[in-house]
Amino acid sequence: MPAAFVFGTLLALGACHPAYDWREIQETEAGYRILLPARPVSMARTIDLDGVAVTMSMTGARVDEALFTVGAVVLPTASAQAREHATQAMRTAMERNVQGHETKATQIEVPLIDAAGRAAGSVTGTHVEVEGKVAGEPSHMSATFVARGDRAWQAVMIAPVADPQAAKLFHESFRITK
């Protein structure tokens, strides 16, 4: 991503929401880079992806009531079937977490980069917008689900109301590393 574009976008977003302090996070082990709006915290836990137990590493940041997280899992196999199963299970689980329904689903291309950050292709994924409730309060979820090889990722923003500018920067900054 050109530095001028990132800088200009960050300035524009900073004017809209002064609490956002965007920074690039590179999770080498988990295989991605992304911009997060605050200092991140990381954790790992075992989750059930529709009958398949995997360890999900998660890195996220919260600003006010908006939560930005990326989850990554290593799949038992690198088959197309395992990748499809994982991304669909992640998507279903996240929609269930916000007691929501999809209002939009779009096929997208998530950039693939090499270790130096150079473009190396893309990976097809799915982006969804979901309206739901968290703790009984209205919420909006904007999420990307993608898998490559023996890995699957979810980049998720959950907030009381949609924040299209922050969601766009968050999702468009998501890169899978080779």
N, C-alpha and C. Protein backbone atom coordinates (compact mmCIF):
# COMPACT_ATOMS: atom_id res chain seq x y z
N MET A 1 0.86 -1.16 0.00
CA MET A 1 0.00 0.00 0.00
C MET A 1 0.91 1.23 0.00
N PRO A 2 0.73 2.16 -0.94
CA PRO A 2 1.59 3.34 -0.97
C PRO A 2 1.50 4.14 0.33
N ALA A 3 2.65 4.61 0.78
CA ALA A 3 2.71 5.34 2.05
C ALA A 3 1.84 6.59 2.03
N ALA A 4 1.79 7.30 0.90
CA ALA A 4 0.98 8.52 0.82
C ALA A 4 -0.50 8.19 1.01
N PHE A 5 -0.95 7.06 0.44
CA PHE A 5 -2.34 6.66 0.60
C PHE A 5 -2.65 6.36 2.06
N VAL A 6 -1.80 5.57 2.69
CA VAL A 6 -2.01 5.21 4.10
C VAL A 6 -2.01 6.47 4.96
N PHE A 7 -1.03 7.34 4.76
CA PHE A 7 -0.93 8.56 5.55
C PHE A 7 -2.18 9.43 5.37
N GLY A 8 -2.61 9.61 4.12
CA GLY A 8 -3.80 10.42 3.84
C GLY A 8 -5.05 9.83 4.46
N THR A 9 -5.18 8.52 4.37
CA THR A 9 -6.33 7.84 4.95
C THR A 9 -6.31 7.97 6.47
N LEU A 10 -5.15 7.80 7.07
CA LEU A 10 -5.05 7.93 8.53
C LEU A 10 -5.40 9.33 8.99
N LEU A 11 -4.96 10.34 8.25
CA LEU A 11 -5.30 11.72 8.61
C LEU A 11 -6.81 11.93 8.53
N ALA A 12 -7.42 11.43 7.47
CA ALA A 12 -8.87 11.59 7.31
C ALA A 12 -9.62 10.89 8.44
N LEU A 13 -9.20 9.68 8.77
CA LEU A 13 -9.85 8.96 9.85
C LEU A 13 -9.61 9.61 11.20
N GLY A 14 -8.42 10.11 11.40
CA GLY A 14 -8.11 10.78 12.66
C GLY A 14 -9.03 11.96 12.90
N ALA A 15 -9.38 12.65 11.83
CA ALA A 15 -10.28 13.79 11.96
C ALA A 15 -11.68 13.32 12.33
N CYS A 16 -12.06 12.13 11.88
CA CYS A 16 -13.40 11.62 12.14
C CYS A 16 -13.54 11.03 13.54
N HIS A 17 -12.50 10.43 14.03
CA HIS A 17 -12.56 9.75 15.32
C HIS A 17 -11.20 9.87 16.00
N PRO A 18 -11.01 10.90 16.82
CA PRO A 18 -9.69 11.16 17.40
C PRO A 18 -9.15 10.04 18.28
N ALA A 19 -9.99 9.11 18.73
CA ALA A 19 -9.50 8.04 19.60
C ALA A 19 -8.75 6.96 18.82
N TYR A 20 -8.91 6.92 17.49
CA TYR A 20 -8.21 5.90 16.70
C TYR A 20 -6.75 6.30 16.54
N ASP A 21 -5.88 5.37 16.87
CA ASP A 21 -4.43 5.55 16.73
C ASP A 21 -3.93 4.35 15.93
N TRP A 22 -4.13 4.41 14.60
CA TRP A 22 -3.85 3.28 13.73
C TRP A 22 -2.37 2.95 13.70
N ARG A 23 -2.09 1.64 13.72
CA ARG A 23 -0.72 1.14 13.63
C ARG A 23 -0.74 -0.20 12.92
N GLU A 24 0.31 -0.47 12.15
CA GLU A 24 0.39 -1.75 11.44
C GLU A 24 0.89 -2.83 12.38
N ILE A 25 0.19 -3.94 12.37
CA ILE A 25 0.55 -5.10 13.18
C ILE A 25 0.93 -6.22 12.22
N GLN A 26 2.08 -6.84 12.47
CA GLN A 26 2.48 -7.99 11.68
C GLN A 26 2.56 -9.19 12.61
N GLU A 27 1.75 -10.18 12.33
CA GLU A 27 1.75 -11.42 13.10
C GLU A 27 2.38 -12.49 12.21
N THR A 28 3.70 -12.63 12.32
CA THR A 28 4.45 -13.54 11.45
C THR A 28 3.98 -14.98 11.61
N GLU A 29 3.85 -15.45 12.84
CA GLU A 29 3.42 -16.84 13.08
C GLU A 29 2.03 -17.10 12.50
N ALA A 30 1.13 -16.13 12.65
CA ALA A 30 -0.25 -16.30 12.19
C ALA A 30 -0.40 -15.98 10.71
N GLY A 31 0.61 -15.34 10.10
CA GLY A 31 0.62 -15.13 8.66
C GLY A 31 -0.20 -13.98 8.14
N TYR A 32 -0.18 -12.82 8.83
CA TYR A 32 -0.91 -11.67 8.30
C TYR A 32 -0.32 -10.35 8.79
N ARG A 33 -0.74 -9.28 8.11
CA ARG A 33 -0.51 -7.90 8.53
C ARG A 33 -1.84 -7.18 8.47
N ILE A 34 -2.02 -6.20 9.36
CA ILE A 34 -3.26 -5.43 9.37
C ILE A 34 -3.04 -4.15 10.17
N LEU A 35 -3.87 -3.15 9.94
CA LEU A 35 -3.87 -1.94 10.76
C LEU A 35 -4.90 -2.12 11.88
N LEU A 36 -4.49 -1.81 13.11
CA LEU A 36 -5.40 -1.81 14.25
C LEU A 36 -5.42 -0.41 14.84
N PRO A 37 -6.57 0.02 15.42
CA PRO A 37 -6.73 1.41 15.86
C PRO A 37 -6.23 1.72 17.26
N ALA A 38 -5.56 0.79 17.90
CA ALA A 38 -5.03 1.00 19.25
C ALA A 38 -4.02 -0.10 19.53
N ARG A 39 -3.34 0.01 20.66
CA ARG A 39 -2.37 -1.02 21.04
C ARG A 39 -3.11 -2.36 21.18
N PRO A 40 -2.62 -3.38 20.49
CA PRO A 40 -3.33 -4.66 20.51
C PRO A 40 -2.98 -5.53 21.70
N VAL A 41 -3.86 -6.46 21.96
CA VAL A 41 -3.60 -7.55 22.90
C VAL A 41 -3.79 -8.85 22.12
N SER A 42 -3.08 -9.88 22.54
CA SER A 42 -3.16 -11.16 21.85
C SER A 42 -3.44 -12.28 22.84
N MET A 43 -4.07 -13.32 22.34
CA MET A 43 -4.34 -14.50 23.14
C MET A 43 -4.59 -15.66 22.19
N ALA A 44 -4.63 -16.85 22.73
CA ALA A 44 -4.96 -18.04 21.94
C ALA A 44 -5.88 -18.91 22.78
N ARG A 45 -6.80 -19.58 22.09
CA ARG A 45 -7.67 -20.50 22.79
C ARG A 45 -8.17 -21.56 21.82
N THR A 46 -8.56 -22.68 22.37
CA THR A 46 -9.12 -23.76 21.55
C THR A 46 -10.58 -23.44 21.26
N ILE A 47 -10.95 -23.56 19.99
CA ILE A 47 -12.33 -23.33 19.59
C ILE A 47 -12.82 -24.54 18.80
N ASP A 48 -14.13 -24.63 18.65
CA ASP A 48 -14.75 -25.71 17.89
C ASP A 48 -15.30 -25.11 16.60
N LEU A 49 -14.72 -25.51 15.47
CA LEU A 49 -15.21 -25.06 14.17
C LEU A 49 -16.12 -26.15 13.61
N ASP A 50 -17.35 -26.17 14.11
CA ASP A 50 -18.34 -27.13 13.64
C ASP A 50 -17.81 -28.56 13.69
N GLY A 51 -17.30 -28.95 14.86
CA GLY A 51 -16.84 -30.31 15.06
C GLY A 51 -15.35 -30.51 14.92
N VAL A 52 -14.61 -29.48 14.53
CA VAL A 52 -13.16 -29.58 14.38
C VAL A 52 -12.52 -28.67 15.43
N ALA A 53 -11.78 -29.26 16.37
CA ALA A 53 -11.11 -28.48 17.42
C ALA A 53 -9.80 -27.92 16.86
N VAL A 54 -9.64 -26.61 16.96
CA VAL A 54 -8.42 -25.93 16.51
C VAL A 54 -8.06 -24.87 17.54
N THR A 55 -6.81 -24.44 17.52
CA THR A 55 -6.38 -23.33 18.37
C THR A 55 -6.42 -22.07 17.53
N MET A 56 -7.17 -21.07 18.01
CA MET A 56 -7.25 -19.79 17.32
C MET A 56 -6.37 -18.79 18.05
N SER A 57 -5.43 -18.20 17.32
CA SER A 57 -4.67 -17.08 17.88
C SER A 57 -5.44 -15.82 17.51
N MET A 58 -5.61 -14.93 18.47
CA MET A 58 -6.38 -13.71 18.25
C MET A 58 -5.58 -12.50 18.68
N THR A 59 -5.65 -11.47 17.86
CA THR A 59 -5.04 -10.19 18.18
C THR A 59 -6.10 -9.14 17.94
N GLY A 60 -6.28 -8.25 18.90
CA GLY A 60 -7.34 -7.26 18.74
C GLY A 60 -7.08 -6.00 19.52
N ALA A 61 -7.92 -5.02 19.22
CA ALA A 61 -7.85 -3.73 19.90
C ALA A 61 -9.27 -3.19 20.06
N ARG A 62 -9.48 -2.47 21.16
CA ARG A 62 -10.78 -1.86 21.42
C ARG A 62 -10.59 -0.35 21.51
N VAL A 63 -11.52 0.37 20.88
CA VAL A 63 -11.58 1.82 21.01
C VAL A 63 -13.02 2.14 21.36
N ASP A 64 -13.22 2.70 22.54
CA ASP A 64 -14.57 2.94 23.05
C ASP A 64 -15.34 1.62 22.99
N GLU A 65 -16.45 1.58 22.26
CA GLU A 65 -17.23 0.35 22.17
C GLU A 65 -16.97 -0.44 20.90
N ALA A 66 -16.00 -0.01 20.10
CA ALA A 66 -15.68 -0.71 18.85
C ALA A 66 -14.54 -1.70 19.09
N LEU A 67 -14.73 -2.92 18.62
CA LEU A 67 -13.74 -3.98 18.78
C LEU A 67 -13.26 -4.42 17.41
N PHE A 68 -11.94 -4.49 17.24
CA PHE A 68 -11.30 -4.91 15.99
C PHE A 68 -10.44 -6.12 16.33
N THR A 69 -10.69 -7.27 15.69
CA THR A 69 -9.90 -8.46 15.98
C THR A 69 -9.57 -9.24 14.71
N VAL A 70 -8.46 -9.95 14.78
CA VAL A 70 -8.11 -10.91 13.74
C VAL A 70 -7.87 -12.24 14.43
N GLY A 71 -8.51 -13.26 13.91
CA GLY A 71 -8.31 -14.61 14.41
C GLY A 71 -7.69 -15.46 13.32
N ALA A 72 -6.75 -16.33 13.70
CA ALA A 72 -6.08 -17.21 12.73
C ALA A 72 -6.03 -18.61 13.30
N VAL A 73 -6.27 -19.59 12.44
CA VAL A 73 -6.20 -20.99 12.84
C VAL A 73 -5.36 -21.78 11.85
N VAL A 74 -4.71 -22.82 12.35
CA VAL A 74 -4.05 -23.80 11.50
C VAL A 74 -5.02 -24.97 11.39
N LEU A 75 -5.32 -25.36 10.16
CA LEU A 75 -6.29 -26.42 9.90
C LEU A 75 -5.63 -27.80 9.95
N PRO A 76 -6.41 -28.84 10.21
CA PRO A 76 -5.85 -30.19 10.26
C PRO A 76 -5.27 -30.64 8.91
N THR A 77 -5.83 -30.13 7.81
CA THR A 77 -5.32 -30.45 6.47
C THR A 77 -5.36 -29.19 5.62
N ALA A 78 -4.66 -29.23 4.50
CA ALA A 78 -4.63 -28.08 3.59
C ALA A 78 -5.61 -28.25 2.43
N SER A 79 -6.62 -29.08 2.58
CA SER A 79 -7.56 -29.33 1.49
C SER A 79 -8.54 -28.17 1.30
N ALA A 80 -9.04 -28.05 0.09
CA ALA A 80 -10.05 -27.03 -0.21
C ALA A 80 -11.28 -27.24 0.67
N GLN A 81 -11.63 -28.49 0.91
CA GLN A 81 -12.79 -28.81 1.75
C GLN A 81 -12.57 -28.32 3.19
N ALA A 82 -11.38 -28.52 3.73
CA ALA A 82 -11.07 -28.06 5.10
C ALA A 82 -11.14 -26.54 5.17
N ARG A 83 -10.62 -25.85 4.15
CA ARG A 83 -10.65 -24.38 4.13
C ARG A 83 -12.09 -23.87 4.07
N GLU A 84 -12.89 -24.45 3.18
CA GLU A 84 -14.29 -24.03 3.05
C GLU A 84 -15.05 -24.29 4.35
N HIS A 85 -14.85 -25.45 4.94
CA HIS A 85 -15.52 -25.80 6.20
C HIS A 85 -15.14 -24.80 7.30
N ALA A 86 -13.86 -24.48 7.40
CA ALA A 86 -13.38 -23.57 8.44
C ALA A 86 -13.96 -22.18 8.28
N THR A 87 -13.90 -21.62 7.07
CA THR A 87 -14.39 -20.25 6.90
C THR A 87 -15.89 -20.18 7.11
N GLN A 88 -16.62 -21.19 6.67
CA GLN A 88 -18.07 -21.19 6.88
C GLN A 88 -18.39 -21.32 8.37
N ALA A 89 -17.65 -22.17 9.08
CA ALA A 89 -17.89 -22.33 10.52
C ALA A 89 -17.55 -21.04 11.27
N MET A 90 -16.46 -20.36 10.89
CA MET A 90 -16.11 -19.08 11.52
C MET A 90 -17.22 -18.06 11.29
N ARG A 91 -17.68 -18.00 10.07
CA ARG A 91 -18.73 -17.03 9.70
C ARG A 91 -20.00 -17.30 10.51
N THR A 92 -20.42 -18.54 10.57
CA THR A 92 -21.63 -18.91 11.31
C THR A 92 -21.47 -18.58 12.80
N ALA A 93 -20.31 -18.91 13.37
CA ALA A 93 -20.07 -18.65 14.79
C ALA A 93 -20.10 -17.15 15.10
N MET A 94 -19.48 -16.34 14.25
CA MET A 94 -19.47 -14.90 14.50
C MET A 94 -20.87 -14.31 14.38
N GLU A 95 -21.65 -14.77 13.40
CA GLU A 95 -23.03 -14.29 13.28
C GLU A 95 -23.84 -14.68 14.52
N ARG A 96 -23.59 -15.88 15.01
CA ARG A 96 -24.28 -16.34 16.22
C ARG A 96 -23.85 -15.49 17.42
N ASN A 97 -22.56 -15.13 17.50
CA ASN A 97 -22.06 -14.33 18.62
C ASN A 97 -22.75 -12.98 18.72
N VAL A 98 -23.13 -12.40 17.59
CA VAL A 98 -23.82 -11.11 17.62
C VAL A 98 -25.32 -11.27 17.42
N GLN A 99 -25.80 -12.51 17.54
CA GLN A 99 -27.23 -12.79 17.37
C GLN A 99 -27.77 -12.06 16.15
N GLY A 100 -27.03 -12.20 15.04
CA GLY A 100 -27.35 -11.37 13.89
C GLY A 100 -27.75 -12.09 12.63
N HIS A 101 -28.03 -11.26 11.64
CA HIS A 101 -28.35 -11.74 10.30
C HIS A 101 -27.56 -10.92 9.29
N GLU A 102 -27.09 -11.59 8.25
CA GLU A 102 -26.32 -10.90 7.21
C GLU A 102 -27.19 -9.93 6.45
N THR A 103 -26.66 -8.74 6.24
CA THR A 103 -27.34 -7.77 5.40
C THR A 103 -26.63 -7.64 4.06
N LYS A 104 -25.38 -8.16 3.99
CA LYS A 104 -24.62 -8.10 2.75
C LYS A 104 -23.50 -9.13 2.82
N ALA A 105 -23.28 -9.83 1.70
CA ALA A 105 -22.16 -10.76 1.59
C ALA A 105 -21.55 -10.57 0.20
N THR A 106 -20.23 -10.39 0.17
CA THR A 106 -19.53 -10.10 -1.08
C THR A 106 -18.27 -10.95 -1.17
N GLN A 107 -18.02 -11.49 -2.36
CA GLN A 107 -16.74 -12.17 -2.60
C GLN A 107 -15.69 -11.10 -2.81
N ILE A 108 -14.53 -11.26 -2.16
CA ILE A 108 -13.45 -10.27 -2.24
C ILE A 108 -12.12 -10.96 -2.53
N GLU A 109 -11.13 -10.16 -2.84
CA GLU A 109 -9.76 -10.64 -2.99
C GLU A 109 -8.92 -10.02 -1.88
N VAL A 110 -8.33 -10.85 -1.05
CA VAL A 110 -7.45 -10.39 0.03
C VAL A 110 -6.02 -10.45 -0.50
N PRO A 111 -5.29 -9.34 -0.45
CA PRO A 111 -3.92 -9.34 -0.97
C PRO A 111 -3.00 -10.33 -0.24
N LEU A 112 -2.14 -10.96 -1.02
CA LEU A 112 -1.11 -11.86 -0.52
C LEU A 112 0.22 -11.13 -0.71
N ILE A 113 1.05 -11.09 0.33
CA ILE A 113 2.34 -10.40 0.24
C ILE A 113 3.46 -11.34 0.66
N ASP A 114 4.67 -11.02 0.18
CA ASP A 114 5.84 -11.80 0.61
C ASP A 114 6.39 -11.19 1.90
N ALA A 115 7.47 -11.76 2.41
CA ALA A 115 8.04 -11.32 3.69
C ALA A 115 8.48 -9.86 3.67
N ALA A 116 8.82 -9.34 2.49
CA ALA A 116 9.24 -7.94 2.37
C ALA A 116 8.06 -7.00 2.18
N GLY A 117 6.85 -7.54 2.11
CA GLY A 117 5.67 -6.71 1.94
C GLY A 117 5.29 -6.46 0.49
N ARG A 118 5.96 -7.13 -0.44
CA ARG A 118 5.65 -6.95 -1.87
C ARG A 118 4.45 -7.80 -2.26
N ALA A 119 3.64 -7.27 -3.17
CA ALA A 119 2.47 -7.99 -3.67
C ALA A 119 2.89 -9.33 -4.27
N ALA A 120 2.12 -10.37 -3.94
CA ALA A 120 2.41 -11.72 -4.44
C ALA A 120 1.13 -12.42 -4.86
N GLY A 121 0.11 -11.65 -5.22
CA GLY A 121 -1.16 -12.23 -5.65
C GLY A 121 -2.28 -11.88 -4.68
N SER A 122 -3.30 -12.71 -4.69
CA SER A 122 -4.43 -12.51 -3.79
C SER A 122 -5.11 -13.84 -3.51
N VAL A 123 -5.95 -13.83 -2.50
CA VAL A 123 -6.69 -15.02 -2.10
C VAL A 123 -8.17 -14.62 -2.02
N THR A 124 -9.03 -15.42 -2.61
CA THR A 124 -10.46 -15.13 -2.59
C THR A 124 -11.03 -15.40 -1.21
N GLY A 125 -11.82 -14.45 -0.73
CA GLY A 125 -12.47 -14.58 0.56
C GLY A 125 -13.88 -14.03 0.49
N THR A 126 -14.50 -13.89 1.65
CA THR A 126 -15.86 -13.37 1.74
C THR A 126 -15.89 -12.24 2.76
N HIS A 127 -16.58 -11.17 2.40
CA HIS A 127 -16.80 -10.06 3.33
C HIS A 127 -18.29 -10.00 3.63
N VAL A 128 -18.65 -9.89 4.91
CA VAL A 128 -20.06 -9.81 5.29
C VAL A 128 -20.30 -8.61 6.20
N GLU A 129 -21.51 -8.10 6.12
CA GLU A 129 -22.02 -7.09 7.04
C GLU A 129 -23.19 -7.75 7.76
N VAL A 130 -23.23 -7.59 9.09
CA VAL A 130 -24.24 -8.26 9.90
C VAL A 130 -24.83 -7.27 10.90
N GLU A 131 -26.13 -7.26 11.03
CA GLU A 131 -26.81 -6.49 12.07
C GLU A 131 -27.24 -7.47 13.16
N GLY A 132 -27.00 -7.12 14.41
CA GLY A 132 -27.34 -8.03 15.49
C GLY A 132 -27.41 -7.33 16.83
N LYS A 133 -27.15 -8.11 17.88
CA LYS A 133 -27.18 -7.58 19.25
C LYS A 133 -26.05 -8.21 20.04
N VAL A 134 -25.41 -7.40 20.87
CA VAL A 134 -24.41 -7.87 21.81
C VAL A 134 -24.86 -7.37 23.18
N ALA A 135 -25.00 -8.29 24.12
CA ALA A 135 -25.48 -7.96 25.47
C ALA A 135 -26.81 -7.20 25.41
N GLY A 136 -27.66 -7.58 24.48
CA GLY A 136 -28.98 -6.97 24.35
C GLY A 136 -29.01 -5.63 23.64
N GLU A 137 -27.85 -5.11 23.26
CA GLU A 137 -27.77 -3.81 22.60
C GLU A 137 -27.50 -4.00 21.10
N PRO A 138 -28.04 -3.11 20.26
CA PRO A 138 -27.80 -3.22 18.81
C PRO A 138 -26.30 -3.20 18.50
N SER A 139 -25.91 -3.99 17.50
CA SER A 139 -24.51 -4.01 17.09
C SER A 139 -24.43 -4.22 15.58
N HIS A 140 -23.29 -3.82 15.04
CA HIS A 140 -23.00 -4.02 13.63
C HIS A 140 -21.66 -4.75 13.54
N MET A 141 -21.63 -5.80 12.72
CA MET A 141 -20.40 -6.54 12.50
C MET A 141 -20.02 -6.44 11.03
N SER A 142 -18.76 -6.13 10.81
CA SER A 142 -18.17 -6.11 9.47
C SER A 142 -17.03 -7.13 9.53
N ALA A 143 -17.08 -8.16 8.67
CA ALA A 143 -16.11 -9.24 8.81
C ALA A 143 -15.62 -9.78 7.47
N THR A 144 -14.35 -10.19 7.46
CA THR A 144 -13.74 -10.84 6.31
C THR A 144 -13.30 -12.23 6.74
N PHE A 145 -13.60 -13.22 5.90
CA PHE A 145 -13.22 -14.61 6.15
C PHE A 145 -12.46 -15.11 4.93
N VAL A 146 -11.28 -15.71 5.17
CA VAL A 146 -10.44 -16.17 4.06
C VAL A 146 -9.57 -17.33 4.53
N ALA A 147 -9.19 -18.19 3.60
CA ALA A 147 -8.31 -19.32 3.94
C ALA A 147 -7.35 -19.57 2.78
N ARG A 148 -6.16 -20.05 3.14
CA ARG A 148 -5.13 -20.39 2.15
C ARG A 148 -4.26 -21.49 2.75
N GLY A 149 -3.96 -22.50 1.94
CA GLY A 149 -3.14 -23.60 2.44
C GLY A 149 -3.81 -24.26 3.63
N ASP A 150 -3.07 -24.37 4.73
CA ASP A 150 -3.64 -25.00 5.93
C ASP A 150 -4.03 -23.97 6.98
N ARG A 151 -4.34 -22.74 6.54
CA ARG A 151 -4.71 -21.67 7.48
C ARG A 151 -6.02 -21.01 7.09
N ALA A 152 -6.70 -20.47 8.11
CA ALA A 152 -7.91 -19.68 7.88
C ALA A 152 -7.87 -18.49 8.82
N TRP A 153 -8.43 -17.36 8.35
CA TRP A 153 -8.42 -16.10 9.11
C TRP A 153 -9.79 -15.47 9.12
N GLN A 154 -10.03 -14.69 10.16
CA GLN A 154 -11.20 -13.82 10.22
C GLN A 154 -10.74 -12.47 10.74
N ALA A 155 -11.12 -11.42 10.03
CA ALA A 155 -10.86 -10.04 10.47
C ALA A 155 -12.23 -9.44 10.75
N VAL A 156 -12.48 -9.06 12.01
CA VAL A 156 -13.83 -8.70 12.44
C VAL A 156 -13.82 -7.37 13.18
N MET A 157 -14.77 -6.51 12.81
CA MET A 157 -15.02 -5.27 13.54
C MET A 157 -16.45 -5.34 14.04
N ILE A 158 -16.63 -5.13 15.35
CA ILE A 158 -17.96 -5.10 15.94
C ILE A 158 -18.10 -3.78 16.69
N ALA A 159 -19.19 -3.07 16.42
CA ALA A 159 -19.44 -1.78 17.06
C ALA A 159 -20.95 -1.59 17.22
N PRO A 160 -21.37 -0.68 18.09
CA PRO A 160 -22.81 -0.45 18.26
C PRO A 160 -23.49 0.01 16.97
N VAL A 161 -22.78 0.79 16.16
CA VAL A 161 -23.30 1.23 14.86
C VAL A 161 -22.19 1.08 13.83
N ALA A 162 -22.59 0.99 12.59
CA ALA A 162 -21.61 0.85 11.51
C ALA A 162 -20.71 2.08 11.46
N ASP A 163 -19.44 1.87 11.21
CA ASP A 163 -18.46 2.94 11.01
C ASP A 163 -17.75 2.60 9.70
N PRO A 164 -18.35 2.97 8.57
CA PRO A 164 -17.83 2.56 7.26
C PRO A 164 -16.38 2.96 7.01
N GLN A 165 -15.97 4.14 7.45
CA GLN A 165 -14.59 4.57 7.21
C GLN A 165 -13.59 3.71 7.96
N ALA A 166 -13.83 3.47 9.23
CA ALA A 166 -12.91 2.65 10.02
C ALA A 166 -12.92 1.21 9.52
N ALA A 167 -14.11 0.69 9.20
CA ALA A 167 -14.20 -0.69 8.68
C ALA A 167 -13.44 -0.82 7.37
N LYS A 168 -13.58 0.16 6.50
CA LYS A 168 -12.89 0.10 5.20
C LYS A 168 -11.37 0.08 5.40
N LEU A 169 -10.85 0.96 6.23
CA LEU A 169 -9.41 0.99 6.47
C LEU A 169 -8.94 -0.33 7.09
N PHE A 170 -9.65 -0.81 8.07
CA PHE A 170 -9.31 -2.06 8.74
C PHE A 170 -9.27 -3.22 7.75
N HIS A 171 -10.35 -3.41 7.01
CA HIS A 171 -10.43 -4.56 6.09
C HIS A 171 -9.49 -4.42 4.89
N GLU A 172 -9.37 -3.22 4.34
CA GLU A 172 -8.48 -3.05 3.18
C GLU A 172 -7.01 -3.14 3.55
N SER A 173 -6.69 -3.00 4.83
CA SER A 173 -5.29 -3.13 5.25
C SER A 173 -4.89 -4.59 5.50
N PHE A 174 -5.85 -5.49 5.54
CA PHE A 174 -5.60 -6.91 5.84
C PHE A 174 -4.82 -7.55 4.70
N ARG A 175 -3.68 -8.14 5.03
CA ARG A 175 -2.80 -8.82 4.08
C ARG A 175 -2.42 -10.18 4.63
N ILE A 176 -2.45 -11.18 3.77
CA ILE A 176 -1.96 -12.50 4.15
C ILE A 176 -0.51 -12.58 3.71
N THR A 177 0.35 -13.10 4.59
CA THR A 177 1.77 -13.21 4.25
C THR A 177 2.11 -14.64 3.85
N LYS A 178 3.01 -14.73 2.88
CA LYS A 178 3.44 -16.05 2.38
C LYS A 178 4.42 -16.69 3.34
